[in-house]
Amino acid sequence: MGVVYRAREPGSKRIVALKLLIGGPYASADFRRRFKHEAETLASLQHRHIVPIPELLT
């Protein structure tokens, strides 16, 4: 469904995980909906082995 990259956040220079949807802007509406649902679900979780999601982009 997506590809995860290790990245550095420009403002704080901290290491983050960046997940991009396969197909990008050409992904189906169903894939985009599932991707957003996954991000919202993960944003609500707190665990030392889960990378926190500080904000969701729409």
PDB file of N, CA and C in Angstrom:
ATOM      1  N   MET A   1       0.819  -1.196   0.000  1.00  0.00           N
ATOM      2  CA  MET A   1       0.000   0.000   0.000  1.00  0.00           C
ATOM      3  C   MET A   1       0.856   1.251   0.000  1.00  0.00           C
ATOM      4  N   GLY A   2       2.023   1.183   0.632  1.00  0.00           N
ATOM      5  CA  GLY A   2       2.877   2.354   0.695  1.00  0.00           C
ATOM      6  C   GLY A   2       4.331   1.961   0.867  1.00  0.00           C
ATOM      7  N   VAL A   3       5.191   2.956   0.774  1.00  0.00           N
ATOM      8  CA  VAL A   3       6.620   2.782   0.965  1.00  0.00           C
ATOM      9  C   VAL A   3       7.037   3.697   2.106  1.00  0.00           C
ATOM     10  N   VAL A   4       7.809   3.152   3.044  1.00  0.00           N
ATOM     11  CA  VAL A   4       8.239   3.929   4.204  1.00  0.00           C
ATOM     12  C   VAL A   4       9.713   4.288   4.052  1.00  0.00           C
ATOM     13  N   TYR A   5      10.009   5.560   4.274  1.00  0.00           N
ATOM     14  CA  TYR A   5      11.377   6.056   4.196  1.00  0.00           C
ATOM     15  C   TYR A   5      11.787   6.622   5.550  1.00  0.00           C
ATOM     16  N   ARG A   6      13.054   6.532   5.834  1.00  0.00           N
ATOM     17  CA  ARG A   6      13.618   7.209   7.004  1.00  0.00           C
ATOM     18  C   ARG A   6      14.017   8.596   6.517  1.00  0.00           C
ATOM     19  N   ALA A   7      13.555   9.627   7.219  1.00  0.00           N
ATOM     20  CA  ALA A   7      13.797  10.993   6.768  1.00  0.00           C
ATOM     21  C   ALA A   7      14.167  11.879   7.951  1.00  0.00           C
ATOM     22  N   ARG A   8      14.621  13.062   7.645  1.00  0.00           N
ATOM     23  CA  ARG A   8      14.946  14.049   8.679  1.00  0.00           C
ATOM     24  C   ARG A   8      13.996  15.219   8.515  1.00  0.00           C
ATOM     25  N   GLU A   9      13.300  15.560   9.595  1.00  0.00           N
ATOM     26  CA  GLU A   9      12.355  16.671   9.564  1.00  0.00           C
ATOM     27  C   GLU A   9      13.135  17.982   9.456  1.00  0.00           C
ATOM     28  N   PRO A  10      12.823  18.819   8.459  1.00  0.00           N
ATOM     29  CA  PRO A  10      13.615  20.032   8.234  1.00  0.00           C
ATOM     30  C   PRO A  10      13.673  20.993   9.426  1.00  0.00           C
ATOM     31  N   GLY A  11      12.556  21.268  10.067  1.00  0.00           N
ATOM     32  CA  GLY A  11      12.539  22.249  11.155  1.00  0.00           C
ATOM     33  C   GLY A  11      13.319  21.820  12.379  1.00  0.00           C
ATOM     34  N   SER A  12      13.064  20.613  12.861  1.00  0.00           N
ATOM     35  CA  SER A  12      13.696  20.157  14.096  1.00  0.00           C
ATOM     36  C   SER A  12      14.893  19.248  13.852  1.00  0.00           C
ATOM     37  N   LYS A  13      15.067  18.800  12.623  1.00  0.00           N
ATOM     38  CA  LYS A  13      16.146  17.893  12.225  1.00  0.00           C
ATOM     39  C   LYS A  13      16.076  16.545  12.930  1.00  0.00           C
ATOM     40  N   ARG A  14      14.907  16.183  13.444  1.00  0.00           N
ATOM     41  CA  ARG A  14      14.757  14.866  14.067  1.00  0.00           C
ATOM     42  C   ARG A  14      14.480  13.818  12.994  1.00  0.00           C
ATOM     43  N   ILE A  15      14.787  12.567  13.316  1.00  0.00           N
ATOM     44  CA  ILE A  15      14.562  11.463  12.400  1.00  0.00           C
ATOM     45  C   ILE A  15      13.090  11.061  12.475  1.00  0.00           C
ATOM     46  N   VAL A  16      12.469  10.912  11.316  1.00  0.00           N
ATOM     47  CA  VAL A  16      11.060  10.544  11.236  1.00  0.00           C
ATOM     48  C   VAL A  16      10.874   9.442  10.201  1.00  0.00           C
ATOM     49  N   ALA A  17       9.733   8.811  10.230  1.00  0.00           N
ATOM     50  CA  ALA A  17       9.346   7.853   9.196  1.00  0.00           C
ATOM     51  C   ALA A  17       8.376   8.563   8.267  1.00  0.00           C
ATOM     52  N   LEU A  18       8.619   8.437   6.980  1.00  0.00           N
ATOM     53  CA  LEU A  18       7.768   9.084   5.975  1.00  0.00           C
ATOM     54  C   LEU A  18       7.170   7.991   5.105  1.00  0.00           C
ATOM     55  N   LYS A  19       5.865   7.835   5.151  1.00  0.00           N
ATOM     56  CA  LYS A  19       5.192   6.807   4.351  1.00  0.00           C
ATOM     57  C   LYS A  19       4.463   7.477   3.199  1.00  0.00           C
ATOM     58  N   LEU A  20       4.755   7.010   2.006  1.00  0.00           N
ATOM     59  CA  LEU A  20       4.112   7.544   0.812  1.00  0.00           C
ATOM     60  C   LEU A  20       3.226   6.475   0.199  1.00  0.00           C
ATOM     61  N   LEU A  21       2.084   6.884  -0.246  1.00  0.00           N
ATOM     62  CA  LEU A  21       1.123   5.992  -0.873  1.00  0.00           C
ATOM     63  C   LEU A  21       1.605   5.594  -2.260  1.00  0.00           C
ATOM     64  N   ILE A  22       1.637   4.297  -2.517  1.00  0.00           N
ATOM     65  CA  ILE A  22       2.018   3.831  -3.852  1.00  0.00           C
ATOM     66  C   ILE A  22       0.988   4.370  -4.843  1.00  0.00           C
ATOM     67  N   GLY A  23       1.450   4.928  -5.913  1.00  0.00           N
ATOM     68  CA  GLY A  23       0.562   5.528  -6.913  1.00  0.00           C
ATOM     69  C   GLY A  23       0.394   7.019  -6.722  1.00  0.00           C
ATOM     70  N   GLY A  24       0.757   7.517  -5.551  1.00  0.00           N
ATOM     71  CA  GLY A  24       0.680   8.953  -5.280  1.00  0.00           C
ATOM     72  C   GLY A  24      -0.658   9.540  -5.681  1.00  0.00           C
ATOM     73  N   PRO A  25      -0.655  10.606  -6.466  1.00  0.00           N
ATOM     74  CA  PRO A  25      -1.900  11.261  -6.842  1.00  0.00           C
ATOM     75  C   PRO A  25      -2.779  10.409  -7.759  1.00  0.00           C
ATOM     76  N   TYR A  26      -2.211   9.328  -8.292  1.00  0.00           N
ATOM     77  CA  TYR A  26      -2.974   8.452  -9.188  1.00  0.00           C
ATOM     78  C   TYR A  26      -3.583   7.254  -8.461  1.00  0.00           C
ATOM     79  N   ALA A  27      -3.391   7.182  -7.153  1.00  0.00           N
ATOM     80  CA  ALA A  27      -3.961   6.089  -6.361  1.00  0.00           C
ATOM     81  C   ALA A  27      -5.485   6.192  -6.368  1.00  0.00           C
ATOM     82  N   SER A  28      -6.130   5.054  -6.268  1.00  0.00           N
ATOM     83  CA  SER A  28      -7.594   5.038  -6.279  1.00  0.00           C
ATOM     84  C   SER A  28      -8.145   5.713  -5.019  1.00  0.00           C
ATOM     85  N   ALA A  29      -9.382   6.131  -5.087  1.00  0.00           N
ATOM     86  CA  ALA A  29     -10.038   6.759  -3.937  1.00  0.00           C
ATOM     87  C   ALA A  29     -10.065   5.813  -2.756  1.00  0.00           C
ATOM     88  N   ASP A  30     -10.242   4.511  -3.005  1.00  0.00           N
ATOM     89  CA  ASP A  30     -10.263   3.518  -1.929  1.00  0.00           C
ATOM     90  C   ASP A  30      -8.897   3.434  -1.241  1.00  0.00           C
ATOM     91  N   PHE A  31      -7.825   3.427  -2.019  1.00  0.00           N
ATOM     92  CA  PHE A  31      -6.474   3.398  -1.435  1.00  0.00           C
ATOM     93  C   PHE A  31      -6.222   4.645  -0.597  1.00  0.00           C
ATOM     94  N   ARG A  32      -6.609   5.813  -1.104  1.00  0.00           N
ATOM     95  CA  ARG A  32      -6.410   7.053  -0.350  1.00  0.00           C
ATOM     96  C   ARG A  32      -7.208   7.029   0.951  1.00  0.00           C
ATOM     97  N   ARG A  33      -8.435   6.513   0.892  1.00  0.00           N
ATOM     98  CA  ARG A  33      -9.268   6.429   2.101  1.00  0.00           C
ATOM     99  C   ARG A  33      -8.633   5.496   3.124  1.00  0.00           C
ATOM    100  N   ARG A  34      -8.167   4.334   2.687  1.00  0.00           N
ATOM    101  CA  ARG A  34      -7.525   3.368   3.589  1.00  0.00           C
ATOM    102  C   ARG A  34      -6.240   3.930   4.185  1.00  0.00           C
ATOM    103  N   PHE A  35      -5.470   4.649   3.367  1.00  0.00           N
ATOM    104  CA  PHE A  35      -4.220   5.252   3.819  1.00  0.00           C
ATOM    105  C   PHE A  35      -4.495   6.284   4.917  1.00  0.00           C
ATOM    106  N   LYS A  36      -5.497   7.123   4.700  1.00  0.00           N
ATOM    107  CA  LYS A  36      -5.854   8.138   5.694  1.00  0.00           C
ATOM    108  C   LYS A  36      -6.368   7.490   6.971  1.00  0.00           C
ATOM    109  N   HIS A  37      -7.174   6.448   6.839  1.00  0.00           N
ATOM    110  CA  HIS A  37      -7.698   5.741   8.011  1.00  0.00           C
ATOM    111  C   HIS A  37      -6.545   5.139   8.815  1.00  0.00           C
ATOM    112  N   GLU A  38      -5.575   4.551   8.124  1.00  0.00           N
ATOM    113  CA  GLU A  38      -4.407   3.978   8.804  1.00  0.00           C
ATOM    114  C   GLU A  38      -3.655   5.059   9.574  1.00  0.00           C
ATOM    115  N   ALA A  39      -3.435   6.210   8.956  1.00  0.00           N
ATOM    116  CA  ALA A  39      -2.718   7.308   9.614  1.00  0.00           C
ATOM    117  C   ALA A  39      -3.484   7.804  10.840  1.00  0.00           C
ATOM    118  N   GLU A  40      -4.790   7.938  10.726  1.00  0.00           N
ATOM    119  CA  GLU A  40      -5.599   8.399  11.865  1.00  0.00           C
ATOM    120  C   GLU A  40      -5.556   7.384  13.005  1.00  0.00           C
ATOM    121  N   THR A  41      -5.604   6.111  12.670  1.00  0.00           N
ATOM    122  CA  THR A  41      -5.539   5.067  13.693  1.00  0.00           C
ATOM    123  C   THR A  41      -4.185   5.092  14.392  1.00  0.00           C
ATOM    124  N   LEU A  42      -3.107   5.152  13.607  1.00  0.00           N
ATOM    125  CA  LEU A  42      -1.765   5.175  14.191  1.00  0.00           C
ATOM    126  C   LEU A  42      -1.531   6.431  15.027  1.00  0.00           C
ATOM    127  N   ALA A  43      -2.107   7.548  14.616  1.00  0.00           N
ATOM    128  CA  ALA A  43      -1.937   8.795  15.368  1.00  0.00           C
ATOM    129  C   ALA A  43      -2.537   8.694  16.764  1.00  0.00           C
ATOM    130  N   SER A  44      -3.516   7.813  16.940  1.00  0.00           N
ATOM    131  CA  SER A  44      -4.161   7.678  18.248  1.00  0.00           C
ATOM    132  C   SER A  44      -3.422   6.718  19.180  1.00  0.00           C
ATOM    133  N   LEU A  45      -2.409   6.005  18.658  1.00  0.00           N
ATOM    134  CA  LEU A  45      -1.673   5.027  19.462  1.00  0.00           C
ATOM    135  C   LEU A  45      -0.423   5.640  20.077  1.00  0.00           C
ATOM    136  N   GLN A  46      -0.071   5.160  21.261  1.00  0.00           N
ATOM    137  CA  GLN A  46       1.159   5.589  21.916  1.00  0.00           C
ATOM    138  C   GLN A  46       1.891   4.354  22.409  1.00  0.00           C
ATOM    139  N   HIS A  47       3.050   4.088  21.819  1.00  0.00           N
ATOM    140  CA  HIS A  47       3.861   2.940  22.200  1.00  0.00           C
ATOM    141  C   HIS A  47       5.300   3.250  21.811  1.00  0.00           C
ATOM    142  N   ARG A  48       6.250   2.770  22.567  1.00  0.00           N
ATOM    143  CA  ARG A  48       7.653   3.109  22.293  1.00  0.00           C
ATOM    144  C   ARG A  48       8.162   2.561  20.966  1.00  0.00           C
ATOM    145  N   HIS A  49       7.478   1.576  20.389  1.00  0.00           N
ATOM    146  CA  HIS A  49       7.894   1.003  19.110  1.00  0.00           C
ATOM    147  C   HIS A  49       7.071   1.510  17.931  1.00  0.00           C
ATOM    148  N   ILE A  50       6.229   2.523  18.171  1.00  0.00           N
ATOM    149  CA  ILE A  50       5.431   3.134  17.099  1.00  0.00           C
ATOM    150  C   ILE A  50       5.873   4.584  16.970  1.00  0.00           C
ATOM    151  N   VAL A  51       6.237   4.976  15.760  1.00  0.00           N
ATOM    152  CA  VAL A  51       6.658   6.354  15.515  1.00  0.00           C
ATOM    153  C   VAL A  51       5.439   7.256  15.677  1.00  0.00           C
ATOM    154  N   PRO A  52       5.525   8.283  16.544  1.00  0.00           N
ATOM    155  CA  PRO A  52       4.376   9.175  16.721  1.00  0.00           C
ATOM    156  C   PRO A  52       4.074   9.989  15.465  1.00  0.00           C
ATOM    157  N   ILE A  53       2.807  10.287  15.263  1.00  0.00           N
ATOM    158  CA  ILE A  53       2.376  11.118  14.140  1.00  0.00           C
ATOM    159  C   ILE A  53       1.916  12.450  14.750  1.00  0.00           C
ATOM    160  N   PRO A  54       2.749  13.496  14.640  1.00  0.00           N
ATOM    161  CA  PRO A  54       2.413  14.756  15.306  1.00  0.00           C
ATOM    162  C   PRO A  54       1.240  15.495  14.663  1.00  0.00           C
ATOM    163  N   GLU A  55       1.062  15.371  13.354  1.00  0.00           N
ATOM    164  CA  GLU A  55      -0.057  16.062  12.700  1.00  0.00           C
ATOM    165  C   GLU A  55      -0.363  15.338  11.390  1.00  0.00           C
ATOM    166  N   LEU A  56      -1.606  15.410  10.991  1.00  0.00           N
ATOM    167  CA  LEU A  56      -2.020  14.793   9.729  1.00  0.00           C
ATOM    168  C   LEU A  56      -2.239  15.886   8.696  1.00  0.00           C
ATOM    169  N   LEU A  57      -1.724  15.653   7.528  1.00  0.00           N
ATOM    170  CA  LEU A  57      -1.952  16.586   6.420  1.00  0.00           C
ATOM    171  C   LEU A  57      -3.155  16.123   5.628  1.00  0.00           C
ATOM    172  N   THR A  58      -3.987  17.036   5.212  1.00  0.00           N
ATOM    173  CA  THR A  58      -5.168  16.641   4.438  1.00  0.00           C
ATOM    174  C   THR A  58      -4.952  16.853   2.974  1.00  0.00           C
TER     175      THR A  58
END
